Amino acid sequence: MALTFFRIPRNKKFNYKPVYYDQKKEERKKREKAALEEDSGDYEKALRERMQMRWKRTSGKRTRSASNQRLVIIFIVMFLLLYLIFFL
């Protein structure tokens, strides 16, 4: 047994396991669940879930296209302003 006057700190170890979220996988599971519920007779609930999933998919496309259009308009306006400032 060796005598030590200074205690050397050790690295701390954690048992952390990262959890990954896969949105497509979650949507796939919801569709499968809705299909199974549709067979069981709860048609209204399954229809509501299906409509919500469609609405979520299409809403992202609309916002992206609106954002792209806004960006193009801003570039056109900036180009026209620079043209007016430097060439007129």
N, C-alpha and C. Protein backbone atom coordinates (compact mmCIF):
# COMPACT_ATOMS: atom_id res chain seq x y z
N MET A 1 0.85 -1.17 0.00
CA MET A 1 0.00 0.00 0.00
C MET A 1 0.89 1.23 0.00
N ALA A 2 0.69 2.07 -1.01
CA ALA A 2 1.53 3.25 -1.15
C ALA A 2 0.85 4.43 -0.47
N LEU A 3 1.64 5.26 0.15
CA LEU A 3 1.13 6.48 0.78
C LEU A 3 1.06 7.58 -0.28
N THR A 4 -0.09 8.25 -0.34
CA THR A 4 -0.21 9.36 -1.29
C THR A 4 -0.62 10.60 -0.52
N PHE A 5 0.01 11.71 -0.85
CA PHE A 5 -0.31 12.97 -0.20
C PHE A 5 -1.29 13.79 -1.03
N PHE A 6 -1.28 13.56 -2.34
CA PHE A 6 -2.17 14.29 -3.23
C PHE A 6 -3.12 13.31 -3.90
N ARG A 7 -4.39 13.69 -3.90
CA ARG A 7 -5.38 12.83 -4.55
C ARG A 7 -5.54 13.27 -6.00
N ILE A 8 -5.37 12.37 -6.91
CA ILE A 8 -5.49 12.67 -8.33
C ILE A 8 -6.94 12.44 -8.74
N PRO A 9 -7.61 13.47 -9.28
CA PRO A 9 -9.01 13.29 -9.67
C PRO A 9 -9.15 12.38 -10.88
N ARG A 10 -10.17 11.58 -10.88
CA ARG A 10 -10.45 10.67 -12.00
C ARG A 10 -11.56 11.27 -12.86
N ASN A 11 -11.63 10.80 -14.09
CA ASN A 11 -12.71 11.23 -14.96
C ASN A 11 -14.03 10.65 -14.48
N LYS A 12 -15.09 11.46 -14.59
CA LYS A 12 -16.41 10.98 -14.21
C LYS A 12 -17.02 10.23 -15.38
N LYS A 13 -17.70 9.16 -15.10
CA LYS A 13 -18.33 8.36 -16.14
C LYS A 13 -19.84 8.47 -15.97
N PHE A 14 -20.51 8.66 -17.09
CA PHE A 14 -21.96 8.76 -17.08
C PHE A 14 -22.54 7.66 -17.95
N ASN A 15 -23.73 7.23 -17.62
CA ASN A 15 -24.41 6.20 -18.40
C ASN A 15 -25.45 6.85 -19.31
N TYR A 16 -25.04 7.81 -20.08
CA TYR A 16 -25.95 8.54 -20.96
C TYR A 16 -26.02 7.83 -22.32
N LYS A 17 -27.24 7.51 -22.74
CA LYS A 17 -27.45 6.91 -24.05
C LYS A 17 -28.33 7.85 -24.85
N PRO A 18 -27.81 8.44 -25.92
CA PRO A 18 -28.61 9.39 -26.69
C PRO A 18 -29.81 8.73 -27.36
N VAL A 19 -30.90 9.48 -27.45
CA VAL A 19 -32.12 9.00 -28.08
C VAL A 19 -32.31 9.80 -29.35
N TYR A 20 -32.50 9.12 -30.47
CA TYR A 20 -32.67 9.79 -31.74
C TYR A 20 -34.14 9.77 -32.13
N TYR A 21 -34.61 10.87 -32.65
CA TYR A 21 -36.01 11.01 -33.06
C TYR A 21 -36.07 10.96 -34.58
N ASP A 22 -36.83 10.02 -35.10
CA ASP A 22 -37.00 9.88 -36.53
C ASP A 22 -38.46 10.20 -36.86
N GLN A 23 -38.68 11.37 -37.43
CA GLN A 23 -40.03 11.83 -37.70
C GLN A 23 -40.75 10.93 -38.70
N LYS A 24 -40.06 10.49 -39.73
CA LYS A 24 -40.69 9.62 -40.72
C LYS A 24 -41.13 8.30 -40.10
N LYS A 25 -40.30 7.77 -39.22
CA LYS A 25 -40.64 6.51 -38.57
C LYS A 25 -41.88 6.68 -37.69
N GLU A 26 -41.96 7.80 -36.97
CA GLU A 26 -43.12 8.06 -36.12
C GLU A 26 -44.39 8.18 -36.96
N GLU A 27 -44.30 8.89 -38.09
CA GLU A 27 -45.47 9.03 -38.96
C GLU A 27 -45.89 7.67 -39.53
N ARG A 28 -44.91 6.84 -39.89
CA ARG A 28 -45.21 5.52 -40.40
C ARG A 28 -45.95 4.69 -39.36
N LYS A 29 -45.50 4.76 -38.10
CA LYS A 29 -46.17 4.02 -37.03
C LYS A 29 -47.60 4.52 -36.83
N LYS A 30 -47.79 5.84 -36.93
CA LYS A 30 -49.15 6.39 -36.79
C LYS A 30 -50.05 5.89 -37.91
N ARG A 31 -49.51 5.83 -39.14
CA ARG A 31 -50.32 5.34 -40.26
C ARG A 31 -50.69 3.87 -40.07
N GLU A 32 -49.72 3.09 -39.60
CA GLU A 32 -50.01 1.67 -39.35
C GLU A 32 -51.08 1.52 -38.26
N LYS A 33 -50.95 2.31 -37.22
CA LYS A 33 -51.92 2.26 -36.13
C LYS A 33 -53.30 2.67 -36.63
N ALA A 34 -53.33 3.72 -37.47
CA ALA A 34 -54.61 4.18 -38.02
C ALA A 34 -55.23 3.11 -38.92
N ALA A 35 -54.41 2.41 -39.67
CA ALA A 35 -54.94 1.35 -40.54
C ALA A 35 -55.51 0.21 -39.72
N LEU A 36 -54.86 -0.13 -38.62
CA LEU A 36 -55.38 -1.18 -37.75
C LEU A 36 -56.67 -0.75 -37.06
N GLU A 37 -56.73 0.53 -36.67
CA GLU A 37 -57.95 1.04 -36.03
C GLU A 37 -59.09 1.12 -37.03
N GLU A 38 -58.76 1.38 -38.27
CA GLU A 38 -59.79 1.46 -39.31
C GLU A 38 -60.47 0.10 -39.45
N ASP A 39 -59.70 -0.96 -39.32
CA ASP A 39 -60.26 -2.30 -39.39
C ASP A 39 -61.13 -2.61 -38.17
N SER A 40 -60.80 -1.98 -37.05
CA SER A 40 -61.53 -2.28 -35.83
C SER A 40 -62.88 -1.58 -35.77
N GLY A 41 -63.13 -0.58 -36.60
CA GLY A 41 -64.44 0.05 -36.64
C GLY A 41 -64.44 1.50 -36.18
N ASP A 42 -63.34 2.02 -35.64
CA ASP A 42 -63.30 3.42 -35.22
C ASP A 42 -62.86 4.27 -36.41
N TYR A 43 -63.74 4.39 -37.38
CA TYR A 43 -63.41 5.01 -38.66
C TYR A 43 -63.19 6.52 -38.51
N GLU A 44 -64.00 7.19 -37.69
CA GLU A 44 -63.89 8.65 -37.57
C GLU A 44 -62.53 9.05 -37.00
N LYS A 45 -62.09 8.34 -35.99
CA LYS A 45 -60.80 8.68 -35.38
C LYS A 45 -59.65 8.44 -36.36
N ALA A 46 -59.71 7.35 -37.09
CA ALA A 46 -58.67 7.05 -38.08
C ALA A 46 -58.66 8.09 -39.19
N LEU A 47 -59.85 8.50 -39.62
CA LEU A 47 -59.95 9.53 -40.67
C LEU A 47 -59.37 10.85 -40.19
N ARG A 48 -59.67 11.21 -38.96
CA ARG A 48 -59.16 12.46 -38.39
C ARG A 48 -57.64 12.44 -38.33
N GLU A 49 -57.06 11.32 -37.88
CA GLU A 49 -55.61 11.20 -37.83
C GLU A 49 -54.99 11.32 -39.22
N ARG A 50 -55.59 10.67 -40.20
CA ARG A 50 -55.08 10.71 -41.56
C ARG A 50 -55.11 12.13 -42.12
N MET A 51 -56.20 12.84 -41.86
CA MET A 51 -56.31 14.22 -42.34
C MET A 51 -55.28 15.12 -41.68
N GLN A 52 -55.04 14.92 -40.40
CA GLN A 52 -54.03 15.73 -39.71
C GLN A 52 -52.64 15.48 -40.27
N MET A 53 -52.33 14.23 -40.57
CA MET A 53 -51.01 13.92 -41.14
C MET A 53 -50.84 14.57 -42.51
N ARG A 54 -51.87 14.52 -43.34
CA ARG A 54 -51.80 15.16 -44.66
C ARG A 54 -51.62 16.65 -44.53
N TRP A 55 -52.35 17.26 -43.60
CA TRP A 55 -52.27 18.70 -43.43
C TRP A 55 -50.86 19.10 -42.98
N LYS A 56 -50.26 18.31 -42.09
CA LYS A 56 -48.90 18.62 -41.64
C LYS A 56 -47.90 18.52 -42.79
N ARG A 57 -48.07 17.51 -43.65
CA ARG A 57 -47.14 17.34 -44.78
C ARG A 57 -47.25 18.50 -45.76
N THR A 58 -48.46 18.94 -46.08
CA THR A 58 -48.63 20.00 -47.08
C THR A 58 -48.33 21.37 -46.52
N SER A 59 -48.49 21.58 -45.21
CA SER A 59 -48.25 22.91 -44.65
C SER A 59 -46.78 23.29 -44.76
N GLY A 60 -45.87 22.34 -44.62
CA GLY A 60 -44.45 22.63 -44.74
C GLY A 60 -44.07 23.05 -46.14
N LYS A 61 -44.70 22.47 -47.15
CA LYS A 61 -44.40 22.83 -48.54
C LYS A 61 -44.85 24.25 -48.83
N ARG A 62 -46.00 24.63 -48.30
CA ARG A 62 -46.50 25.99 -48.53
C ARG A 62 -45.58 27.03 -47.92
N THR A 63 -45.12 26.80 -46.72
CA THR A 63 -44.26 27.79 -46.07
C THR A 63 -42.92 27.90 -46.78
N ARG A 64 -42.39 26.77 -47.27
CA ARG A 64 -41.12 26.82 -48.00
C ARG A 64 -41.27 27.60 -49.30
N SER A 65 -42.35 27.34 -50.04
CA SER A 65 -42.52 28.03 -51.31
C SER A 65 -42.78 29.52 -51.08
N ALA A 66 -43.52 29.87 -50.03
CA ALA A 66 -43.75 31.28 -49.72
C ALA A 66 -42.45 31.96 -49.33
N SER A 67 -41.63 31.25 -48.58
CA SER A 67 -40.34 31.80 -48.17
C SER A 67 -39.43 32.02 -49.38
N ASN A 68 -39.42 31.07 -50.30
CA ASN A 68 -38.60 31.21 -51.50
C ASN A 68 -39.08 32.37 -52.37
N GLN A 69 -40.38 32.54 -52.50
CA GLN A 69 -40.92 33.65 -53.28
C GLN A 69 -40.54 34.98 -52.64
N ARG A 70 -40.63 35.06 -51.34
CA ARG A 70 -40.27 36.28 -50.63
C ARG A 70 -38.80 36.61 -50.84
N LEU A 71 -37.96 35.60 -50.82
CA LEU A 71 -36.53 35.81 -51.02
C LEU A 71 -36.23 36.32 -52.43
N VAL A 72 -36.89 35.77 -53.42
CA VAL A 72 -36.71 36.22 -54.80
C VAL A 72 -37.15 37.67 -54.95
N ILE A 73 -38.26 38.03 -54.36
CA ILE A 73 -38.75 39.41 -54.44
C ILE A 73 -37.77 40.37 -53.77
N ILE A 74 -37.22 39.98 -52.64
CA ILE A 74 -36.24 40.84 -51.97
C ILE A 74 -35.01 41.04 -52.83
N PHE A 75 -34.52 39.98 -53.48
CA PHE A 75 -33.35 40.12 -54.36
C PHE A 75 -33.66 41.04 -55.54
N ILE A 76 -34.83 40.93 -56.12
CA ILE A 76 -35.20 41.79 -57.24
C ILE A 76 -35.24 43.25 -56.81
N VAL A 77 -35.85 43.52 -55.67
CA VAL A 77 -35.94 44.90 -55.17
C VAL A 77 -34.55 45.44 -54.88
N MET A 78 -33.69 44.63 -54.25
CA MET A 78 -32.33 45.09 -53.97
C MET A 78 -31.56 45.36 -55.25
N PHE A 79 -31.71 44.51 -56.25
CA PHE A 79 -31.04 44.71 -57.52
C PHE A 79 -31.50 46.02 -58.18
N LEU A 80 -32.81 46.27 -58.16
CA LEU A 80 -33.33 47.50 -58.75
C LEU A 80 -32.83 48.73 -58.01
N LEU A 81 -32.79 48.67 -56.69
CA LEU A 81 -32.26 49.81 -55.92
C LEU A 81 -30.79 50.06 -56.22
N LEU A 82 -30.00 49.02 -56.28
CA LEU A 82 -28.58 49.19 -56.61
C LEU A 82 -28.40 49.72 -58.02
N TYR A 83 -29.21 49.27 -58.95
CA TYR A 83 -29.14 49.76 -60.32
C TYR A 83 -29.47 51.26 -60.35
N LEU A 84 -30.51 51.65 -59.63
CA LEU A 84 -30.89 53.07 -59.60
C LEU A 84 -29.83 53.93 -58.95
N ILE A 85 -29.19 53.44 -57.92
CA ILE A 85 -28.18 54.21 -57.20
C ILE A 85 -26.90 54.38 -58.04
N PHE A 86 -26.41 53.33 -58.66
CA PHE A 86 -25.14 53.38 -59.32
C PHE A 86 -25.20 53.78 -60.79
N PHE A 87 -26.30 53.57 -61.48
CA PHE A 87 -26.33 53.83 -62.91
C PHE A 87 -27.22 54.97 -63.32
N LEU A 88 -27.91 55.60 -62.41
CA LEU A 88 -28.73 56.76 -62.78
C LEU A 88 -28.30 58.00 -62.09
